[in-house]
Amino acid sequence: MVEVLGRLEQYSRRFPQEVLVLEAQVGDQQEQVMIFKGISSLLLGATAFDPDVPVLPDAAVLVSLDRLRSPYTPQQPQYLAQGLTPDAVETLLTAAGC
């Protein structure tokens, strides 16, 4: 998962007009991560101050990804794509050269 997260951060630097919201399974817990301009942060928990510390463990499993238009407004999200599967995420990243 750390590799995919790094590729998503790279994608978000290339496309700063997008906000990515990733849903992952970590053990028996669901986690949500927001990625914007190359920075990842947990939505429901604390994120380490050190950017070299991954926000998710490598054992985390990608469940889905939403692409939203920036700026992100929780009350009125503007979805570009919703519920992308891991295969669709791989296709997106490969097409973007990430």
PDB file of N, CA and C in Angstrom:
ATOM      1  N   MET A   1       0.817  -1.192   0.000  1.00  0.00           N
ATOM      2  CA  MET A   1       0.000   0.000   0.000  1.00  0.00           C
ATOM      3  C   MET A   1       0.862   1.258   0.000  1.00  0.00           C
ATOM      4  N   VAL A   2       2.016   1.213   0.634  1.00  0.00           N
ATOM      5  CA  VAL A   2       2.887   2.390   0.689  1.00  0.00           C
ATOM      6  C   VAL A   2       3.288   2.815  -0.719  1.00  0.00           C
ATOM      7  N   GLU A   3       3.546   1.841  -1.600  1.00  0.00           N
ATOM      8  CA  GLU A   3       3.914   2.168  -2.982  1.00  0.00           C
ATOM      9  C   GLU A   3       2.758   2.846  -3.711  1.00  0.00           C
ATOM     10  N   VAL A   4       1.555   2.312  -3.556  1.00  0.00           N
ATOM     11  CA  VAL A   4       0.380   2.903  -4.209  1.00  0.00           C
ATOM     12  C   VAL A   4       0.135   4.308  -3.671  1.00  0.00           C
ATOM     13  N   LEU A   5       0.265   4.480  -2.376  1.00  0.00           N
ATOM     14  CA  LEU A   5       0.073   5.796  -1.768  1.00  0.00           C
ATOM     15  C   LEU A   5       1.088   6.791  -2.324  1.00  0.00           C
ATOM     16  N   GLY A   6       2.327   6.365  -2.478  1.00  0.00           N
ATOM     17  CA  GLY A   6       3.353   7.231  -3.062  1.00  0.00           C
ATOM     18  C   GLY A   6       3.024   7.618  -4.491  1.00  0.00           C
ATOM     19  N   ARG A   7       2.503   6.662  -5.257  1.00  0.00           N
ATOM     20  CA  ARG A   7       2.114   6.955  -6.640  1.00  0.00           C
ATOM     21  C   ARG A   7       0.925   7.905  -6.688  1.00  0.00           C
ATOM     22  N   LEU A   8      -0.011   7.747  -5.755  1.00  0.00           N
ATOM     23  CA  LEU A   8      -1.155   8.661  -5.690  1.00  0.00           C
ATOM     24  C   LEU A   8      -0.708  10.072  -5.303  1.00  0.00           C
ATOM     25  N   GLU A   9       0.266  10.170  -4.414  1.00  0.00           N
ATOM     26  CA  GLU A   9       0.811  11.483  -4.050  1.00  0.00           C
ATOM     27  C   GLU A   9       1.474  12.134  -5.268  1.00  0.00           C
ATOM     28  N   GLN A  10       2.203  11.334  -6.040  1.00  0.00           N
ATOM     29  CA  GLN A  10       2.828  11.841  -7.261  1.00  0.00           C
ATOM     30  C   GLN A  10       1.749  12.315  -8.240  1.00  0.00           C
ATOM     31  N   TYR A  11       0.690  11.537  -8.399  1.00  0.00           N
ATOM     32  CA  TYR A  11      -0.419  11.918  -9.274  1.00  0.00           C
ATOM     33  C   TYR A  11      -1.014  13.248  -8.821  1.00  0.00           C
ATOM     34  N   SER A  12      -1.218  13.394  -7.522  1.00  0.00           N
ATOM     35  CA  SER A  12      -1.855  14.618  -7.015  1.00  0.00           C
ATOM     36  C   SER A  12      -0.958  15.850  -7.185  1.00  0.00           C
ATOM     37  N   ARG A  13       0.349  15.654  -7.226  1.00  0.00           N
ATOM     38  CA  ARG A  13       1.243  16.785  -7.530  1.00  0.00           C
ATOM     39  C   ARG A  13       1.111  17.190  -8.995  1.00  0.00           C
ATOM     40  N   ARG A  14       0.918  16.213  -9.857  1.00  0.00           N
ATOM     41  CA  ARG A  14       0.762  16.494 -11.290  1.00  0.00           C
ATOM     42  C   ARG A  14      -0.595  17.113 -11.621  1.00  0.00           C
ATOM     43  N   PHE A  15      -1.601  16.804 -10.798  1.00  0.00           N
ATOM     44  CA  PHE A  15      -2.959  17.283 -11.044  1.00  0.00           C
ATOM     45  C   PHE A  15      -3.484  17.992  -9.795  1.00  0.00           C
ATOM     46  N   PRO A  16      -2.959  19.186  -9.504  1.00  0.00           N
ATOM     47  CA  PRO A  16      -3.338  19.885  -8.271  1.00  0.00           C
ATOM     48  C   PRO A  16      -4.790  20.362  -8.261  1.00  0.00           C
ATOM     49  N   GLN A  17      -5.474  20.267  -9.379  1.00  0.00           N
ATOM     50  CA  GLN A  17      -6.870  20.644  -9.426  1.00  0.00           C
ATOM     51  C   GLN A  17      -7.773  19.518  -8.898  1.00  0.00           C
ATOM     52  N   GLU A  18      -7.157  18.410  -8.488  1.00  0.00           N
ATOM     53  CA  GLU A  18      -7.907  17.272  -7.956  1.00  0.00           C
ATOM     54  C   GLU A  18      -7.549  17.008  -6.497  1.00  0.00           C
ATOM     55  N   VAL A  19      -8.540  16.525  -5.771  1.00  0.00           N
ATOM     56  CA  VAL A  19      -8.360  16.020  -4.416  1.00  0.00           C
ATOM     57  C   VAL A  19      -8.725  14.542  -4.476  1.00  0.00           C
ATOM     58  N   LEU A  20      -7.892  13.700  -3.900  1.00  0.00           N
ATOM     59  CA  LEU A  20      -8.147  12.266  -3.886  1.00  0.00           C
ATOM     60  C   LEU A  20      -8.548  11.840  -2.484  1.00  0.00           C
ATOM     61  N   VAL A  21      -9.576  11.030  -2.387  1.00  0.00           N
ATOM     62  CA  VAL A  21      -9.987  10.466  -1.105  1.00  0.00           C
ATOM     63  C   VAL A  21      -9.954   8.954  -1.253  1.00  0.00           C
ATOM     64  N   LEU A  22      -9.047   8.351  -0.506  1.00  0.00           N
ATOM     65  CA  LEU A  22      -8.795   6.919  -0.577  1.00  0.00           C
ATOM     66  C   LEU A  22      -9.435   6.242   0.621  1.00  0.00           C
ATOM     67  N   GLU A  23     -10.078   5.128   0.377  1.00  0.00           N
ATOM     68  CA  GLU A  23     -10.597   4.306   1.457  1.00  0.00           C
ATOM     69  C   GLU A  23      -9.785   3.025   1.487  1.00  0.00           C
ATOM     70  N   ALA A  24      -9.312   2.663   2.674  1.00  0.00           N
ATOM     71  CA  ALA A  24      -8.467   1.476   2.821  1.00  0.00           C
ATOM     72  C   ALA A  24      -8.938   0.655   4.009  1.00  0.00           C
ATOM     73  N   GLN A  25      -8.640  -0.621   3.937  1.00  0.00           N
ATOM     74  CA  GLN A  25      -8.915  -1.538   5.044  1.00  0.00           C
ATOM     75  C   GLN A  25      -7.597  -1.825   5.739  1.00  0.00           C
ATOM     76  N   VAL A  26      -7.546  -1.557   7.034  1.00  0.00           N
ATOM     77  CA  VAL A  26      -6.360  -1.822   7.841  1.00  0.00           C
ATOM     78  C   VAL A  26      -6.802  -2.757   8.962  1.00  0.00           C
ATOM     79  N   GLY A  27      -6.532  -4.051   8.765  1.00  0.00           N
ATOM     80  CA  GLY A  27      -7.037  -5.032   9.728  1.00  0.00           C
ATOM     81  C   GLY A  27      -8.554  -5.026   9.696  1.00  0.00           C
ATOM     82  N   ASP A  28      -9.174  -4.797  10.855  1.00  0.00           N
ATOM     83  CA  ASP A  28     -10.637  -4.751  10.911  1.00  0.00           C
ATOM     84  C   ASP A  28     -11.177  -3.318  10.892  1.00  0.00           C
ATOM     85  N   GLN A  29     -10.322  -2.380  10.557  1.00  0.00           N
ATOM     86  CA  GLN A  29     -10.697  -0.964  10.597  1.00  0.00           C
ATOM     87  C   GLN A  29     -10.650  -0.329   9.211  1.00  0.00           C
ATOM     88  N   GLN A  30     -11.649   0.513   8.929  1.00  0.00           N
ATOM     89  CA  GLN A  30     -11.672   1.302   7.698  1.00  0.00           C
ATOM     90  C   GLN A  30     -10.954   2.625   7.959  1.00  0.00           C
ATOM     91  N   GLU A  31     -10.132   3.037   7.024  1.00  0.00           N
ATOM     92  CA  GLU A  31      -9.429   4.320   7.120  1.00  0.00           C
ATOM     93  C   GLU A  31      -9.723   5.124   5.862  1.00  0.00           C
ATOM     94  N   GLN A  32      -9.775   6.440   6.006  1.00  0.00           N
ATOM     95  CA  GLN A  32      -9.904   7.345   4.872  1.00  0.00           C
ATOM     96  C   GLN A  32      -8.702   8.279   4.871  1.00  0.00           C
ATOM     97  N   VAL A  33      -8.143   8.455   3.683  1.00  0.00           N
ATOM     98  CA  VAL A  33      -6.974   9.310   3.511  1.00  0.00           C
ATOM     99  C   VAL A  33      -7.294  10.330   2.423  1.00  0.00           C
ATOM    100  N   MET A  34      -7.011  11.589   2.713  1.00  0.00           N
ATOM    101  CA  MET A  34      -7.140  12.635   1.708  1.00  0.00           C
ATOM    102  C   MET A  34      -5.755  12.950   1.175  1.00  0.00           C
ATOM    103  N   ILE A  35      -5.648  13.064  -0.146  1.00  0.00           N
ATOM    104  CA  ILE A  35      -4.371  13.351  -0.792  1.00  0.00           C
ATOM    105  C   ILE A  35      -4.559  14.590  -1.654  1.00  0.00           C
ATOM    106  N   PHE A  36      -3.729  15.602  -1.390  1.00  0.00           N
ATOM    107  CA  PHE A  36      -3.828  16.854  -2.134  1.00  0.00           C
ATOM    108  C   PHE A  36      -2.443  17.451  -2.287  1.00  0.00           C
ATOM    109  N   LYS A  37      -2.073  17.754  -3.523  1.00  0.00           N
ATOM    110  CA  LYS A  37      -0.776  18.345  -3.851  1.00  0.00           C
ATOM    111  C   LYS A  37       0.394  17.573  -3.241  1.00  0.00           C
ATOM    112  N   GLY A  38       0.285  16.240  -3.286  1.00  0.00           N
ATOM    113  CA  GLY A  38       1.380  15.395  -2.832  1.00  0.00           C
ATOM    114  C   GLY A  38       1.420  15.112  -1.351  1.00  0.00           C
ATOM    115  N   ILE A  39       0.439  15.590  -0.609  1.00  0.00           N
ATOM    116  CA  ILE A  39       0.404  15.394   0.844  1.00  0.00           C
ATOM    117  C   ILE A  39      -0.768  14.497   1.209  1.00  0.00           C
ATOM    118  N   SER A  40      -0.502  13.475   2.009  1.00  0.00           N
ATOM    119  CA  SER A  40      -1.542  12.562   2.487  1.00  0.00           C
ATOM    120  C   SER A  40      -1.819  12.825   3.950  1.00  0.00           C
ATOM    121  N   SER A  41      -3.093  12.758   4.319  1.00  0.00           N
ATOM    122  CA  SER A  41      -3.443  12.874   5.731  1.00  0.00           C
ATOM    123  C   SER A  41      -4.681  12.042   6.024  1.00  0.00           C
ATOM    124  N   LEU A  42      -4.689  11.460   7.208  1.00  0.00           N
ATOM    125  CA  LEU A  42      -5.836  10.676   7.643  1.00  0.00           C
ATOM    126  C   LEU A  42      -7.001  11.614   7.921  1.00  0.00           C
ATOM    127  N   LEU A  43      -8.193  11.208   7.547  1.00  0.00           N
ATOM    128  CA  LEU A  43      -9.369  12.032   7.814  1.00  0.00           C
ATOM    129  C   LEU A  43      -9.950  11.777   9.200  1.00  0.00           C
ATOM    130  N   LEU A  44      -9.767  10.563   9.718  1.00  0.00           N
ATOM    131  CA  LEU A  44     -10.396  10.215  10.988  1.00  0.00           C
ATOM    132  C   LEU A  44      -9.407   9.944  12.114  1.00  0.00           C
ATOM    133  N   GLY A  45      -8.144  10.277  11.918  1.00  0.00           N
ATOM    134  CA  GLY A  45      -7.149  10.027  12.951  1.00  0.00           C
ATOM    135  C   GLY A  45      -5.994  10.991  12.824  1.00  0.00           C
ATOM    136  N   ALA A  46      -5.041  10.827  13.699  1.00  0.00           N
ATOM    137  CA  ALA A  46      -3.871  11.704  13.696  1.00  0.00           C
ATOM    138  C   ALA A  46      -2.897  11.289  12.596  1.00  0.00           C
ATOM    139  N   THR A  47      -2.289  12.280  11.966  1.00  0.00           N
ATOM    140  CA  THR A  47      -1.265  12.061  10.945  1.00  0.00           C
ATOM    141  C   THR A  47       0.066  12.531  11.511  1.00  0.00           C
ATOM    142  N   ALA A  48       1.106  11.728  11.327  1.00  0.00           N
ATOM    143  CA  ALA A  48       2.434  12.089  11.829  1.00  0.00           C
ATOM    144  C   ALA A  48       2.909  13.387  11.185  1.00  0.00           C
ATOM    145  N   PHE A  49       3.656  14.188  11.933  1.00  0.00           N
ATOM    146  CA  PHE A  49       4.200  15.441  11.411  1.00  0.00           C
ATOM    147  C   PHE A  49       5.301  15.202  10.387  1.00  0.00           C
ATOM    148  N   ASP A  50       5.953  14.053  10.481  1.00  0.00           N
ATOM    149  CA  ASP A  50       7.058  13.714   9.579  1.00  0.00           C
ATOM    150  C   ASP A  50       6.493  13.185   8.257  1.00  0.00           C
ATOM    151  N   PRO A  51       6.703  13.886   7.140  1.00  0.00           N
ATOM    152  CA  PRO A  51       6.152  13.424   5.864  1.00  0.00           C
ATOM    153  C   PRO A  51       6.771  12.127   5.358  1.00  0.00           C
ATOM    154  N   ASP A  52       7.882  11.698   5.946  1.00  0.00           N
ATOM    155  CA  ASP A  52       8.504  10.437   5.548  1.00  0.00           C
ATOM    156  C   ASP A  52       7.836   9.228   6.201  1.00  0.00           C
ATOM    157  N   VAL A  53       6.948   9.465   7.170  1.00  0.00           N
ATOM    158  CA  VAL A  53       6.230   8.380   7.833  1.00  0.00           C
ATOM    159  C   VAL A  53       4.923   8.150   7.068  1.00  0.00           C
ATOM    160  N   PRO A  54       4.747   6.958   6.460  1.00  0.00           N
ATOM    161  CA  PRO A  54       3.519   6.692   5.709  1.00  0.00           C
ATOM    162  C   PRO A  54       2.282   6.773   6.608  1.00  0.00           C
ATOM    163  N   VAL A  55       1.188   7.288   6.053  1.00  0.00           N
ATOM    164  CA  VAL A  55      -0.031   7.418   6.849  1.00  0.00           C
ATOM    165  C   VAL A  55      -0.744   6.079   7.003  1.00  0.00           C
ATOM    166  N   LEU A  56      -0.437   5.120   6.122  1.00  0.00           N
ATOM    167  CA  LEU A  56      -1.018   3.783   6.207  1.00  0.00           C
ATOM    168  C   LEU A  56       0.090   2.747   6.204  1.00  0.00           C
ATOM    169  N   PRO A  57      -0.096   1.643   6.913  1.00  0.00           N
ATOM    170  CA  PRO A  57       0.912   0.576   6.880  1.00  0.00           C
ATOM    171  C   PRO A  57       0.876  -0.138   5.530  1.00  0.00           C
ATOM    172  N   ASP A  58       1.942  -0.811   5.202  1.00  0.00           N
ATOM    173  CA  ASP A  58       2.034  -1.517   3.934  1.00  0.00           C
ATOM    174  C   ASP A  58       0.987  -2.627   3.846  1.00  0.00           C
ATOM    175  N   ALA A  59       0.519  -3.128   4.991  1.00  0.00           N
ATOM    176  CA  ALA A  59      -0.481  -4.196   5.005  1.00  0.00           C
ATOM    177  C   ALA A  59      -1.888  -3.686   4.697  1.00  0.00           C
ATOM    178  N   ALA A  60      -2.067  -2.381   4.622  1.00  0.00           N
ATOM    179  CA  ALA A  60      -3.384  -1.822   4.301  1.00  0.00           C
ATOM    180  C   ALA A  60      -3.794  -2.248   2.893  1.00  0.00           C
ATOM    181  N   VAL A  61      -5.096  -2.372   2.684  1.00  0.00           N
ATOM    182  CA  VAL A  61      -5.628  -2.802   1.395  1.00  0.00           C
ATOM    183  C   VAL A  61      -6.508  -1.689   0.836  1.00  0.00           C
ATOM    184  N   LEU A  62      -6.234  -1.289  -0.391  1.00  0.00           N
ATOM    185  CA  LEU A  62      -7.028  -0.272  -1.069  1.00  0.00           C
ATOM    186  C   LEU A  62      -8.427  -0.818  -1.335  1.00  0.00           C
ATOM    187  N   VAL A  63      -9.440  -0.081  -0.895  1.00  0.00           N
ATOM    188  CA  VAL A  63     -10.828  -0.475  -1.134  1.00  0.00           C
ATOM    189  C   VAL A  63     -11.380   0.314  -2.313  1.00  0.00           C
ATOM    190  N   SER A  64     -11.250   1.642  -2.259  1.00  0.00           N
ATOM    191  CA  SER A  64     -11.756   2.478  -3.353  1.00  0.00           C
ATOM    192  C   SER A  64     -11.094   3.845  -3.316  1.00  0.00           C
ATOM    193  N   LEU A  65     -11.267   4.583  -4.404  1.00  0.00           N
ATOM    194  CA  LEU A  65     -10.713   5.926  -4.510  1.00  0.00           C
ATOM    195  C   LEU A  65     -11.743   6.831  -5.174  1.00  0.00           C
ATOM    196  N   ASP A  66     -11.905   8.024  -4.605  1.00  0.00           N
ATOM    197  CA  ASP A  66     -12.740   9.057  -5.202  1.00  0.00           C
ATOM    198  C   ASP A  66     -11.842  10.184  -5.680  1.00  0.00           C
ATOM    199  N   ARG A  67     -12.159  10.712  -6.853  1.00  0.00           N
ATOM    200  CA  ARG A  67     -11.458  11.893  -7.376  1.00  0.00           C
ATOM    201  C   ARG A  67     -12.450  13.052  -7.322  1.00  0.00           C
ATOM    202  N   LEU A  68     -12.021  14.149  -6.685  1.00  0.00           N
ATOM    203  CA  LEU A  68     -12.883  15.310  -6.529  1.00  0.00           C
ATOM    204  C   LEU A  68     -12.202  16.557  -7.064  1.00  0.00           C
ATOM    205  N   ARG A  69     -13.009  17.512  -7.434  1.00  0.00           N
ATOM    206  CA  ARG A  69     -12.497  18.795  -7.915  1.00  0.00           C
ATOM    207  C   ARG A  69     -12.035  19.621  -6.709  1.00  0.00           C
ATOM    208  N   SER A  70     -10.891  20.265  -6.880  1.00  0.00           N
ATOM    209  CA  SER A  70     -10.363  21.171  -5.860  1.00  0.00           C
ATOM    210  C   SER A  70     -10.924  22.562  -6.130  1.00  0.00           C
ATOM    211  N   PRO A  71     -11.218  23.357  -5.130  1.00  0.00           N
ATOM    212  CA  PRO A  71     -11.046  23.090  -3.707  1.00  0.00           C
ATOM    213  C   PRO A  71     -12.131  22.157  -3.185  1.00  0.00           C
ATOM    214  N   TYR A  72     -11.751  21.330  -2.230  1.00  0.00           N
ATOM    215  CA  TYR A  72     -12.649  20.357  -1.623  1.00  0.00           C
ATOM    216  C   TYR A  72     -13.566  21.051  -0.636  1.00  0.00           C
ATOM    217  N   THR A  73     -14.849  20.848  -0.816  1.00  0.00           N
ATOM    218  CA  THR A  73     -15.857  21.387   0.087  1.00  0.00           C
ATOM    219  C   THR A  73     -16.692  20.210   0.591  1.00  0.00           C
ATOM    220  N   PRO A  74     -16.532  19.809   1.853  1.00  0.00           N
ATOM    221  CA  PRO A  74     -17.257  18.631   2.348  1.00  0.00           C
ATOM    222  C   PRO A  74     -18.781  18.742   2.193  1.00  0.00           C
ATOM    223  N   GLN A  75     -19.315  19.954   2.299  1.00  0.00           N
ATOM    224  CA  GLN A  75     -20.763  20.129   2.202  1.00  0.00           C
ATOM    225  C   GLN A  75     -21.266  19.973   0.765  1.00  0.00           C
ATOM    226  N   GLN A  76     -20.419  20.263  -0.217  1.00  0.00           N
ATOM    227  CA  GLN A  76     -20.801  20.164  -1.622  1.00  0.00           C
ATOM    228  C   GLN A  76     -19.645  19.595  -2.455  1.00  0.00           C
ATOM    229  N   PRO A  77     -19.319  18.321  -2.244  1.00  0.00           N
ATOM    230  CA  PRO A  77     -18.209  17.740  -3.011  1.00  0.00           C
ATOM    231  C   PRO A  77     -18.562  17.659  -4.492  1.00  0.00           C
ATOM    232  N   GLN A  78     -17.571  17.928  -5.328  1.00  0.00           N
ATOM    233  CA  GLN A  78     -17.748  17.837  -6.778  1.00  0.00           C
ATOM    234  C   GLN A  78     -16.921  16.656  -7.275  1.00  0.00           C
ATOM    235  N   TYR A  79     -17.593  15.532  -7.470  1.00  0.00           N
ATOM    236  CA  TYR A  79     -16.913  14.302  -7.860  1.00  0.00           C
ATOM    237  C   TYR A  79     -16.561  14.299  -9.339  1.00  0.00           C
ATOM    238  N   LEU A  80     -15.329  13.921  -9.624  1.00  0.00           N
ATOM    239  CA  LEU A  80     -14.895  13.655 -10.995  1.00  0.00           C
ATOM    240  C   LEU A  80     -15.057  12.168 -11.300  1.00  0.00           C
ATOM    241  N   ALA A  81     -14.817  11.342 -10.289  1.00  0.00           N
ATOM    242  CA  ALA A  81     -14.996   9.891 -10.371  1.00  0.00           C
ATOM    243  C   ALA A  81     -15.178   9.385  -8.950  1.00  0.00           C
ATOM    244  N   GLN A  82     -16.032   8.398  -8.797  1.00  0.00           N
ATOM    245  CA  GLN A  82     -16.359   7.914  -7.461  1.00  0.00           C
ATOM    246  C   GLN A  82     -16.254   6.390  -7.419  1.00  0.00           C
ATOM    247  N   GLY A  83     -15.699   5.877  -6.320  1.00  0.00           N
ATOM    248  CA  GLY A  83     -15.653   4.440  -6.102  1.00  0.00           C
ATOM    249  C   GLY A  83     -14.755   3.675  -7.055  1.00  0.00           C
ATOM    250  N   LEU A  84     -13.621   4.284  -7.448  1.00  0.00           N
ATOM    251  CA  LEU A  84     -12.691   3.577  -8.334  1.00  0.00           C
ATOM    252  C   LEU A  84     -12.129   2.348  -7.629  1.00  0.00           C
ATOM    253  N   THR A  85     -12.132   1.232  -8.330  1.00  0.00           N
ATOM    254  CA  THR A  85     -11.607  -0.022  -7.792  1.00  0.00           C
ATOM    255  C   THR A  85     -10.077  -0.003  -7.861  1.00  0.00           C
ATOM    256  N   PRO A  86      -9.413  -0.924  -7.165  1.00  0.00           N
ATOM    257  CA  PRO A  86      -7.955  -0.994  -7.270  1.00  0.00           C
ATOM    258  C   PRO A  86      -7.459  -1.127  -8.716  1.00  0.00           C
ATOM    259  N   ASP A  87      -8.151  -1.904  -9.555  1.00  0.00           N
ATOM    260  CA  ASP A  87      -7.748  -2.035 -10.953  1.00  0.00           C
ATOM    261  C   ASP A  87      -7.893  -0.712 -11.700  1.00  0.00           C
ATOM    262  N   ALA A  88      -8.969   0.018 -11.440  1.00  0.00           N
ATOM    263  CA  ALA A  88      -9.179   1.315 -12.075  1.00  0.00           C
ATOM    264  C   ALA A  88      -8.133   2.331 -11.608  1.00  0.00           C
ATOM    265  N   VAL A  89      -7.743   2.252 -10.341  1.00  0.00           N
ATOM    266  CA  VAL A  89      -6.703   3.135  -9.808  1.00  0.00           C
ATOM    267  C   VAL A  89      -5.377   2.845 -10.508  1.00  0.00           C
ATOM    268  N   GLU A  90      -5.057   1.577 -10.684  1.00  0.00           N
ATOM    269  CA  GLU A  90      -3.824   1.210 -11.387  1.00  0.00           C
ATOM    270  C   GLU A  90      -3.835   1.730 -12.812  1.00  0.00           C
ATOM    271  N   THR A  91      -4.953   1.624 -13.490  1.00  0.00           N
ATOM    272  CA  THR A  91      -5.084   2.146 -14.859  1.00  0.00           C
ATOM    273  C   THR A  91      -4.890   3.646 -14.882  1.00  0.00           C
ATOM    274  N   LEU A  92      -5.507   4.357 -13.933  1.00  0.00           N
ATOM    275  CA  LEU A  92      -5.366   5.813 -13.834  1.00  0.00           C
ATOM    276  C   LEU A  92      -3.914   6.218 -13.628  1.00  0.00           C
ATOM    277  N   LEU A  93      -3.238   5.568 -12.694  1.00  0.00           N
ATOM    278  CA  LEU A  93      -1.859   5.897 -12.375  1.00  0.00           C
ATOM    279  C   LEU A  93      -0.915   5.589 -13.540  1.00  0.00           C
ATOM    280  N   THR A  94      -1.144   4.476 -14.201  1.00  0.00           N
ATOM    281  CA  THR A  94      -0.308   4.105 -15.345  1.00  0.00           C
ATOM    282  C   THR A  94      -0.496   5.105 -16.494  1.00  0.00           C
ATOM    283  N   ALA A  95      -1.747   5.473 -16.756  1.00  0.00           N
ATOM    284  CA  ALA A  95      -2.031   6.428 -17.827  1.00  0.00           C
ATOM    285  C   ALA A  95      -1.397   7.793 -17.546  1.00  0.00           C
ATOM    286  N   ALA A  96      -1.297   8.150 -16.251  1.00  0.00           N
ATOM    287  CA  ALA A  96      -0.713   9.440 -15.879  1.00  0.00           C
ATOM    288  C   ALA A  96       0.808   9.367 -15.759  1.00  0.00           C
ATOM    289  N   GLY A  97       1.378   8.189 -15.937  1.00  0.00           N
ATOM    290  CA  GLY A  97       2.823   8.021 -15.827  1.00  0.00           C
ATOM    291  C   GLY A  97       3.331   8.042 -14.408  1.00  0.00           C
ATOM    292  N   CYS A  98       2.512   7.612 -13.504  1.00  0.00           N
ATOM    293  CA  CYS A  98       2.891   7.598 -12.069  1.00  0.00           C
ATOM    294  C   CYS A  98       3.135   6.173 -11.586  1.00  0.00           C
TER     295      CYS A  98
END
